[in-house]
Amino acid sequence: TDAVHVGLVSIPQFGFSKAVRDTLEKKAESH
C-alpha cells in the first residue's frame, strides 16, 4: 500500500459559475 506516495497537494484557486461569483461579491459588499 505504500508503493506510491503522495506529497504536497496544491490548488491555486477554485472556479465558480458567474451566478455564484455574483452572489459572493454581493456578500462581500454587504460586509
Full PDB file with SEQRES, HELIX, SHEET, SSBOND, CRYST1, ORIGX, SCALE, CONECT and MASTER records, all heavy atoms in Angstrom:
SEQRES   1 A   31  THR ASP ALA VAL HIS VAL GLY LEU VAL SER ILE PRO GLN          
SEQRES   2 A   31  PHE GLY PHE SER LYS ALA VAL ARG ASP THR LEU GLU LYS          
SEQRES   3 A   31  LYS ALA GLU SER HIS                                          
HELIX    1 AA1 LYS A   18  SER A   30  1                                  13    
CRYST1    1.000    1.000    1.000  90.00  90.00  90.00 P 1           1          
ORIGX1      1.000000  0.000000  0.000000        0.00000                         
ORIGX2      0.000000  1.000000  0.000000        0.00000                         
ORIGX3      0.000000  0.000000  1.000000        0.00000                         
SCALE1      1.000000  0.000000  0.000000        0.00000                         
SCALE2      0.000000  1.000000  0.000000        0.00000                         
SCALE3      0.000000  0.000000  1.000000        0.00000                         
ATOM      1  N   THR A   1       0.804  -1.230   0.000  1.00  0.00           N  
ATOM      2  CA  THR A   1       0.000   0.000   0.000  1.00  0.00           C  
ATOM      3  C   THR A   1       0.832   1.272   0.000  1.00  0.00           C  
ATOM      4  O   THR A   1       0.313   2.345  -0.320  1.00  0.00           O  
ATOM      5  CB  THR A   1      -0.945   0.017   1.211  1.00  0.00           C  
ATOM      6  OG1 THR A   1      -0.177  -0.126   2.422  1.00  0.00           O  
ATOM      7  CG2 THR A   1      -1.948  -1.132   1.126  1.00  0.00           C  
ATOM      8  N   ASP A   2       2.116   1.171   0.355  1.00  0.00           N  
ATOM      9  CA  ASP A   2       2.960   2.371   0.339  1.00  0.00           C  
ATOM     10  C   ASP A   2       3.853   2.421  -0.894  1.00  0.00           C  
ATOM     11  O   ASP A   2       4.886   3.090  -0.899  1.00  0.00           O  
ATOM     12  CB  ASP A   2       3.816   2.445   1.611  1.00  0.00           C  
ATOM     13  CG  ASP A   2       4.790   1.274   1.715  1.00  0.00           C  
ATOM     14  OD1 ASP A   2       4.625   0.283   0.977  1.00  0.00           O  
ATOM     15  OD2 ASP A   2       5.711   1.346   2.550  1.00  0.00           O  
ATOM     16  N   ALA A   3       3.451   1.725  -1.950  1.00  0.00           N  
ATOM     17  CA  ALA A   3       4.252   1.707  -3.182  1.00  0.00           C  
ATOM     18  C   ALA A   3       4.242   3.063  -3.874  1.00  0.00           C  
ATOM     19  O   ALA A   3       5.193   3.425  -4.570  1.00  0.00           O  
ATOM     20  CB  ALA A   3       3.734   0.632  -4.128  1.00  0.00           C  
ATOM     21  N   VAL A   4       3.151   3.807  -3.704  1.00  0.00           N  
ATOM     22  CA  VAL A   4       3.023   5.130  -4.332  1.00  0.00           C  
ATOM     23  C   VAL A   4       2.738   6.148  -3.235  1.00  0.00           C  
ATOM     24  O   VAL A   4       1.781   5.983  -2.462  1.00  0.00           O  
ATOM     25  CB  VAL A   4       1.896   5.154  -5.381  1.00  0.00           C  
ATOM     26  CG1 VAL A   4       1.785   6.547  -6.003  1.00  0.00           C  
ATOM     27  CG2 VAL A   4       2.144   4.109  -6.461  1.00  0.00           C  
ATOM     28  N   HIS A   5       3.562   7.168  -3.164  1.00  0.00           N  
ATOM     29  CA  HIS A   5       3.429   8.194  -2.125  1.00  0.00           C  
ATOM     30  C   HIS A   5       2.853   9.483  -2.702  1.00  0.00           C  
ATOM     31  O   HIS A   5       3.175   9.867  -3.822  1.00  0.00           O  
ATOM     32  CB  HIS A   5       4.795   8.505  -1.507  1.00  0.00           C  
ATOM     33  CG  HIS A   5       5.450   7.324  -0.858  1.00  0.00           C  
ATOM     34  ND1 HIS A   5       5.159   6.915   0.424  1.00  0.00           N  
ATOM     35  CD2 HIS A   5       6.385   6.452  -1.328  1.00  0.00           C  
ATOM     36  CE1 HIS A   5       5.891   5.851   0.735  1.00  0.00           C  
ATOM     37  NE2 HIS A   5       6.640   5.548  -0.321  1.00  0.00           N  
ATOM     38  N   VAL A   6       2.041  10.135  -1.892  1.00  0.00           N  
ATOM     39  CA  VAL A   6       1.503  11.444  -2.250  1.00  0.00           C  
ATOM     40  C   VAL A   6       2.109  12.472  -1.312  1.00  0.00           C  
ATOM     41  O   VAL A   6       2.005  12.352  -0.088  1.00  0.00           O  
ATOM     42  CB  VAL A   6      -0.029  11.482  -2.137  1.00  0.00           C  
ATOM     43  CG1 VAL A   6      -0.552  12.879  -2.494  1.00  0.00           C  
ATOM     44  CG2 VAL A   6      -0.657  10.430  -3.043  1.00  0.00           C  
ATOM     45  N   GLY A   7       2.755  13.481  -1.885  1.00  0.00           N  
ATOM     46  CA  GLY A   7       3.351  14.540  -1.086  1.00  0.00           C  
ATOM     47  C   GLY A   7       2.419  15.732  -0.995  1.00  0.00           C  
ATOM     48  O   GLY A   7       1.208  15.590  -0.792  1.00  0.00           O  
ATOM     49  N   LEU A   8       2.964  16.910  -1.171  1.00  0.00           N  
ATOM     50  CA  LEU A   8       2.165  18.128  -1.099  1.00  0.00           C  
ATOM     51  C   LEU A   8       1.153  18.190  -2.233  1.00  0.00           C  
ATOM     52  O   LEU A   8       1.425  17.767  -3.350  1.00  0.00           O  
ATOM     53  CB  LEU A   8       3.063  19.359  -1.139  1.00  0.00           C  
ATOM     54  CG  LEU A   8       4.016  19.570   0.047  1.00  0.00           C  
ATOM     55  CD1 LEU A   8       4.909  20.764  -0.214  1.00  0.00           C  
ATOM     56  CD2 LEU A   8       3.228  19.753   1.339  1.00  0.00           C  
ATOM     57  N   VAL A   9      -0.002  18.727  -1.919  1.00  0.00           N  
ATOM     58  CA  VAL A   9      -1.040  18.968  -2.926  1.00  0.00           C  
ATOM     59  C   VAL A   9      -1.370  20.453  -2.888  1.00  0.00           C  
ATOM     60  O   VAL A   9      -1.479  21.041  -1.812  1.00  0.00           O  
ATOM     61  CB  VAL A   9      -2.307  18.138  -2.633  1.00  0.00           C  
ATOM     62  CG1 VAL A   9      -3.426  18.504  -3.614  1.00  0.00           C  
ATOM     63  CG2 VAL A   9      -1.992  16.641  -2.728  1.00  0.00           C  
ATOM     64  N   SER A  10      -1.508  21.046  -4.039  1.00  0.00           N  
ATOM     65  CA  SER A  10      -1.891  22.457  -4.084  1.00  0.00           C  
ATOM     66  C   SER A  10      -3.033  22.665  -5.062  1.00  0.00           C  
ATOM     67  O   SER A  10      -3.163  21.941  -6.057  1.00  0.00           O  
ATOM     68  CB  SER A  10      -0.697  23.342  -4.475  1.00  0.00           C  
ATOM     69  OG  SER A  10      -0.262  23.039  -5.783  1.00  0.00           O  
ATOM     70  N   ILE A  11      -3.867  23.639  -4.722  1.00  0.00           N  
ATOM     71  CA  ILE A  11      -4.954  24.084  -5.599  1.00  0.00           C  
ATOM     72  C   ILE A  11      -4.873  25.606  -5.642  1.00  0.00           C  
ATOM     73  O   ILE A  11      -5.224  26.269  -4.648  1.00  0.00           O  
ATOM     74  CB  ILE A  11      -6.331  23.629  -5.095  1.00  0.00           C  
ATOM     75  CG1 ILE A  11      -6.405  22.101  -5.056  1.00  0.00           C  
ATOM     76  CG2 ILE A  11      -7.437  24.190  -5.992  1.00  0.00           C  
ATOM     77  CD1 ILE A  11      -7.732  21.568  -4.535  1.00  0.00           C  
ATOM     78  N   PRO A  12      -4.389  26.188  -6.726  1.00  0.00           N  
ATOM     79  CA  PRO A  12      -4.242  27.648  -6.773  1.00  0.00           C  
ATOM     80  C   PRO A  12      -5.534  28.391  -6.469  1.00  0.00           C  
ATOM     81  O   PRO A  12      -5.532  29.403  -5.760  1.00  0.00           O  
ATOM     82  CB  PRO A  12      -3.765  27.902  -8.206  1.00  0.00           C  
ATOM     83  CG  PRO A  12      -3.103  26.615  -8.608  1.00  0.00           C  
ATOM     84  CD  PRO A  12      -3.896  25.542  -7.945  1.00  0.00           C  
ATOM     85  N   GLN A  13      -6.645  27.902  -7.023  1.00  0.00           N  
ATOM     86  CA  GLN A  13      -7.939  28.542  -6.765  1.00  0.00           C  
ATOM     87  C   GLN A  13      -9.064  27.641  -7.254  1.00  0.00           C  
ATOM     88  O   GLN A  13      -8.854  26.699  -8.007  1.00  0.00           O  
ATOM     89  CB  GLN A  13      -8.024  29.896  -7.461  1.00  0.00           C  
ATOM     90  CG  GLN A  13      -8.010  29.798  -8.982  1.00  0.00           C  
ATOM     91  CD  GLN A  13      -8.109  31.147  -9.655  1.00  0.00           C  
ATOM     92  OE1 GLN A  13      -7.886  32.180  -9.037  1.00  0.00           O  
ATOM     93  NE2 GLN A  13      -8.447  31.154 -10.928  1.00  0.00           N  
ATOM     94  N   PHE A  14     -10.272  27.949  -6.752  1.00  0.00           N  
ATOM     95  CA  PHE A  14     -11.476  27.279  -7.226  1.00  0.00           C  
ATOM     96  C   PHE A  14     -12.182  28.201  -8.210  1.00  0.00           C  
ATOM     97  O   PHE A  14     -12.209  29.425  -8.036  1.00  0.00           O  
ATOM     98  CB  PHE A  14     -12.425  26.961  -6.066  1.00  0.00           C  
ATOM     99  CG  PHE A  14     -11.883  25.927  -5.118  1.00  0.00           C  
ATOM    100  CD1 PHE A  14     -11.454  26.288  -3.853  1.00  0.00           C  
ATOM    101  CD2 PHE A  14     -11.817  24.593  -5.488  1.00  0.00           C  
ATOM    102  CE1 PHE A  14     -10.964  25.343  -2.977  1.00  0.00           C  
ATOM    103  CE2 PHE A  14     -11.323  23.634  -4.614  1.00  0.00           C  
ATOM    104  CZ  PHE A  14     -10.891  24.006  -3.342  1.00  0.00           C  
ATOM    105  N   GLY A  15     -12.760  27.607  -9.233  1.00  0.00           N  
ATOM    106  CA  GLY A  15     -13.522  28.388 -10.199  1.00  0.00           C  
ATOM    107  C   GLY A  15     -15.015  28.141 -10.031  1.00  0.00           C  
ATOM    108  O   GLY A  15     -15.453  26.989  -9.923  1.00  0.00           O  
ATOM    109  N   PHE A  16     -15.784  29.230  -9.987  1.00  0.00           N  
ATOM    110  CA  PHE A  16     -17.235  29.121  -9.779  1.00  0.00           C  
ATOM    111  C   PHE A  16     -17.982  29.722 -10.975  1.00  0.00           C  
ATOM    112  O   PHE A  16     -17.433  30.493 -11.759  1.00  0.00           O  
ATOM    113  CB  PHE A  16     -17.647  29.858  -8.499  1.00  0.00           C  
ATOM    114  CG  PHE A  16     -16.921  29.387  -7.268  1.00  0.00           C  
ATOM    115  CD1 PHE A  16     -15.853  30.109  -6.761  1.00  0.00           C  
ATOM    116  CD2 PHE A  16     -17.301  28.217  -6.627  1.00  0.00           C  
ATOM    117  CE1 PHE A  16     -15.174  29.685  -5.638  1.00  0.00           C  
ATOM    118  CE2 PHE A  16     -16.629  27.776  -5.501  1.00  0.00           C  
ATOM    119  CZ  PHE A  16     -15.556  28.508  -5.002  1.00  0.00           C  
ATOM    120  N   SER A  17     -19.242  29.380 -11.065  1.00  0.00           N  
ATOM    121  CA  SER A  17     -20.077  29.949 -12.122  1.00  0.00           C  
ATOM    122  C   SER A  17     -20.277  31.437 -11.876  1.00  0.00           C  
ATOM    123  O   SER A  17     -20.049  31.943 -10.773  1.00  0.00           O  
ATOM    124  CB  SER A  17     -21.424  29.235 -12.167  1.00  0.00           C  
ATOM    125  OG  SER A  17     -22.146  29.512 -10.976  1.00  0.00           O  
ATOM    126  N   LYS A  18     -20.723  32.138 -12.902  1.00  0.00           N  
ATOM    127  CA  LYS A  18     -20.935  33.584 -12.776  1.00  0.00           C  
ATOM    128  C   LYS A  18     -21.964  33.887 -11.706  1.00  0.00           C  
ATOM    129  O   LYS A  18     -21.818  34.843 -10.926  1.00  0.00           O  
ATOM    130  CB  LYS A  18     -21.376  34.170 -14.112  1.00  0.00           C  
ATOM    131  CG  LYS A  18     -21.506  35.684 -14.112  1.00  0.00           C  
ATOM    132  CD  LYS A  18     -21.883  36.208 -15.464  1.00  0.00           C  
ATOM    133  CE  LYS A  18     -21.917  37.730 -15.477  1.00  0.00           C  
ATOM    134  NZ  LYS A  18     -22.787  38.325 -14.445  1.00  0.00           N  
ATOM    135  N   ALA A  19     -23.013  33.086 -11.652  1.00  0.00           N  
ATOM    136  CA  ALA A  19     -24.051  33.315 -10.645  1.00  0.00           C  
ATOM    137  C   ALA A  19     -23.482  33.212  -9.234  1.00  0.00           C  
ATOM    138  O   ALA A  19     -23.803  34.024  -8.356  1.00  0.00           O  
ATOM    139  CB  ALA A  19     -25.191  32.316 -10.834  1.00  0.00           C  
ATOM    140  N   VAL A  20     -22.642  32.212  -9.012  1.00  0.00           N  
ATOM    141  CA  VAL A  20     -22.036  32.044  -7.681  1.00  0.00           C  
ATOM    142  C   VAL A  20     -21.080  33.191  -7.397  1.00  0.00           C  
ATOM    143  O   VAL A  20     -21.068  33.738  -6.277  1.00  0.00           O  
ATOM    144  CB  VAL A  20     -21.302  30.691  -7.599  1.00  0.00           C  
ATOM    145  CG1 VAL A  20     -20.489  30.597  -6.309  1.00  0.00           C  
ATOM    146  CG2 VAL A  20     -22.294  29.536  -7.673  1.00  0.00           C  
ATOM    147  N   ARG A  21     -20.302  33.604  -8.375  1.00  0.00           N  
ATOM    148  CA  ARG A  21     -19.379  34.725  -8.174  1.00  0.00           C  
ATOM    149  C   ARG A  21     -20.133  35.996  -7.841  1.00  0.00           C  
ATOM    150  O   ARG A  21     -19.727  36.763  -6.954  1.00  0.00           O  
ATOM    151  CB  ARG A  21     -18.507  34.928  -9.420  1.00  0.00           C  
ATOM    152  CG  ARG A  21     -17.531  33.796  -9.699  1.00  0.00           C  
ATOM    153  CD  ARG A  21     -16.404  34.251 -10.644  1.00  0.00           C  
ATOM    154  NE  ARG A  21     -16.931  34.819 -11.877  1.00  0.00           N  
ATOM    155  CZ  ARG A  21     -17.214  34.117 -12.968  1.00  0.00           C  
ATOM    156  NH1 ARG A  21     -17.051  32.788 -12.968  1.00  0.00           N  
ATOM    157  NH2 ARG A  21     -17.653  34.708 -14.063  1.00  0.00           N  
ATOM    158  N   ASP A  22     -21.243  36.227  -8.527  1.00  0.00           N  
ATOM    159  CA  ASP A  22     -22.047  37.431  -8.243  1.00  0.00           C  
ATOM    160  C   ASP A  22     -22.576  37.393  -6.810  1.00  0.00           C  
ATOM    161  O   ASP A  22     -22.575  38.419  -6.106  1.00  0.00           O  
ATOM    162  CB  ASP A  22     -23.214  37.531  -9.225  1.00  0.00           C  
ATOM    163  CG  ASP A  22     -22.752  37.853 -10.639  1.00  0.00           C  
ATOM    164  OD1 ASP A  22     -21.596  38.301 -10.781  1.00  0.00           O  
ATOM    165  OD2 ASP A  22     -23.538  37.638 -11.582  1.00  0.00           O  
ATOM    166  N   THR A  23     -23.011  36.230  -6.374  1.00  0.00           N  
ATOM    167  CA  THR A  23     -23.529  36.089  -5.017  1.00  0.00           C  
ATOM    168  C   THR A  23     -22.438  36.357  -3.987  1.00  0.00           C  
ATOM    169  O   THR A  23     -22.655  37.044  -2.980  1.00  0.00           O  
ATOM    170  CB  THR A  23     -24.100  34.669  -4.802  1.00  0.00           C  
ATOM    171  OG1 THR A  23     -25.153  34.452  -5.735  1.00  0.00           O  
ATOM    172  CG2 THR A  23     -24.623  34.504  -3.392  1.00  0.00           C  
ATOM    173  N   LEU A  24     -21.246  35.814  -4.223  1.00  0.00           N  
ATOM    174  CA  LEU A  24     -20.134  36.031  -3.307  1.00  0.00           C  
ATOM    175  C   LEU A  24     -19.737  37.500  -3.259  1.00  0.00           C  
ATOM    176  O   LEU A  24     -19.402  38.037  -2.195  1.00  0.00           O  
ATOM    177  CB  LEU A  24     -18.925  35.174  -3.741  1.00  0.00           C  
ATOM    178  CG  LEU A  24     -19.103  33.657  -3.607  1.00  0.00           C  
ATOM    179  CD1 LEU A  24     -17.920  32.919  -4.211  1.00  0.00           C  
ATOM    180  CD2 LEU A  24     -19.291  33.249  -2.143  1.00  0.00           C  
ATOM    181  N   GLU A  25     -19.777  38.177  -4.423  1.00  0.00           N  
ATOM    182  CA  GLU A  25     -19.434  39.609  -4.455  1.00  0.00           C  
ATOM    183  C   GLU A  25     -20.441  40.434  -3.678  1.00  0.00           C  
ATOM    184  O   GLU A  25     -20.072  41.364  -2.956  1.00  0.00           O  
ATOM    185  CB  GLU A  25     -19.337  40.089  -5.899  1.00  0.00           C  
ATOM    186  CG  GLU A  25     -18.118  39.559  -6.660  1.00  0.00           C  
ATOM    187  CD  GLU A  25     -18.127  39.966  -8.122  1.00  0.00           C  
ATOM    188  OE1 GLU A  25     -19.053  40.711  -8.523  1.00  0.00           O  
ATOM    189  OE2 GLU A  25     -17.201  39.545  -8.860  1.00  0.00           O  
ATOM    190  N   LYS A  26     -21.711  40.096  -3.805  1.00  0.00           N  
ATOM    191  CA  LYS A  26     -22.734  40.835  -3.061  1.00  0.00           C  
ATOM    192  C   LYS A  26     -22.568  40.648  -1.567  1.00  0.00           C  
ATOM    193  O   LYS A  26     -22.725  41.596  -0.771  1.00  0.00           O  
ATOM    194  CB  LYS A  26     -24.118  40.360  -3.492  1.00  0.00           C  
ATOM    195  CG  LYS A  26     -24.516  40.808  -4.892  1.00  0.00           C  
ATOM    196  CD  LYS A  26     -25.890  40.278  -5.288  1.00  0.00           C  
ATOM    197  CE  LYS A  26     -26.263  40.698  -6.690  1.00  0.00           C  
ATOM    198  NZ  LYS A  26     -27.592  40.174  -7.102  1.00  0.00           N  
ATOM    199  N   LYS A  27     -22.228  39.420  -1.152  1.00  0.00           N  
ATOM    200  CA  LYS A  27     -22.000  39.172   0.262  1.00  0.00           C  
ATOM    201  C   LYS A  27     -20.814  39.981   0.775  1.00  0.00           C  
ATOM    202  O   LYS A  27     -20.835  40.544   1.870  1.00  0.00           O  
ATOM    203  CB  LYS A  27     -21.739  37.682   0.520  1.00  0.00           C  
ATOM    204  CG  LYS A  27     -22.995  36.829   0.513  1.00  0.00           C  
ATOM    205  CD  LYS A  27     -22.666  35.411   0.945  1.00  0.00           C  
ATOM    206  CE  LYS A  27     -23.925  34.550   1.010  1.00  0.00           C  
ATOM    207  NZ  LYS A  27     -23.615  33.177   1.479  1.00  0.00           N  
ATOM    208  N   ALA A  28     -19.758  40.040  -0.060  1.00  0.00           N  
ATOM    209  CA  ALA A  28     -18.565  40.789   0.350  1.00  0.00           C  
ATOM    210  C   ALA A  28     -18.858  42.267   0.446  1.00  0.00           C  
ATOM    211  O   ALA A  28     -18.389  42.945   1.361  1.00  0.00           O  
ATOM    212  CB  ALA A  28     -17.451  40.531  -0.661  1.00  0.00           C  
ATOM    213  N   GLU A  29     -19.678  42.785  -0.473  1.00  0.00           N  
ATOM    214  CA  GLU A  29     -20.015  44.206  -0.449  1.00  0.00           C  
ATOM    215  C   GLU A  29     -20.906  44.574   0.744  1.00  0.00           C  
ATOM    216  O   GLU A  29     -20.802  45.665   1.298  1.00  0.00           O  
ATOM    217  CB  GLU A  29     -20.725  44.597  -1.751  1.00  0.00           C  
ATOM    218  CG  GLU A  29     -19.801  44.563  -2.970  1.00  0.00           C  
ATOM    219  CD  GLU A  29     -20.559  44.741  -4.281  1.00  0.00           C  
ATOM    220  OE1 GLU A  29     -21.817  44.851  -4.206  1.00  0.00           O  
ATOM    221  OE2 GLU A  29     -19.925  44.777  -5.340  1.00  0.00           O  
ATOM    222  N   SER A  30     -21.755  43.650   1.123  1.00  0.00           N  
ATOM    223  CA  SER A  30     -22.674  43.899   2.237  1.00  0.00           C  
ATOM    224  C   SER A  30     -21.931  43.972   3.568  1.00  0.00           C  
ATOM    225  O   SER A  30     -22.426  44.568   4.543  1.00  0.00           O  
ATOM    226  CB  SER A  30     -23.748  42.812   2.315  1.00  0.00           C  
ATOM    227  OG  SER A  30     -23.159  41.545   2.623  1.00  0.00           O  
ATOM    228  N   HIS A  31     -20.763  43.352   3.603  1.00  0.00           N  
ATOM    229  CA  HIS A  31     -19.947  43.425   4.831  1.00  0.00           C  
ATOM    230  C   HIS A  31     -19.062  44.654   4.770  1.00  0.00           C  
ATOM    231  O   HIS A  31     -18.352  44.960   5.647  1.00  0.00           O  
ATOM    232  CB  HIS A  31     -19.086  42.157   4.978  1.00  0.00           C  
ATOM    233  CG  HIS A  31     -19.907  40.936   5.234  1.00  0.00           C  
ATOM    234  ND1 HIS A  31     -20.677  40.753   6.369  1.00  0.00           N  
ATOM    235  CD2 HIS A  31     -20.097  39.794   4.506  1.00  0.00           C  
ATOM    236  CE1 HIS A  31     -21.277  39.572   6.337  1.00  0.00           C  
ATOM    237  NE2 HIS A  31     -20.954  38.972   5.189  1.00  0.00           N  
TER     238      HIS A  31                                                      
MASTER        0    0    0    1    0    0    0    6  237    1    0    3          
END                                                                             
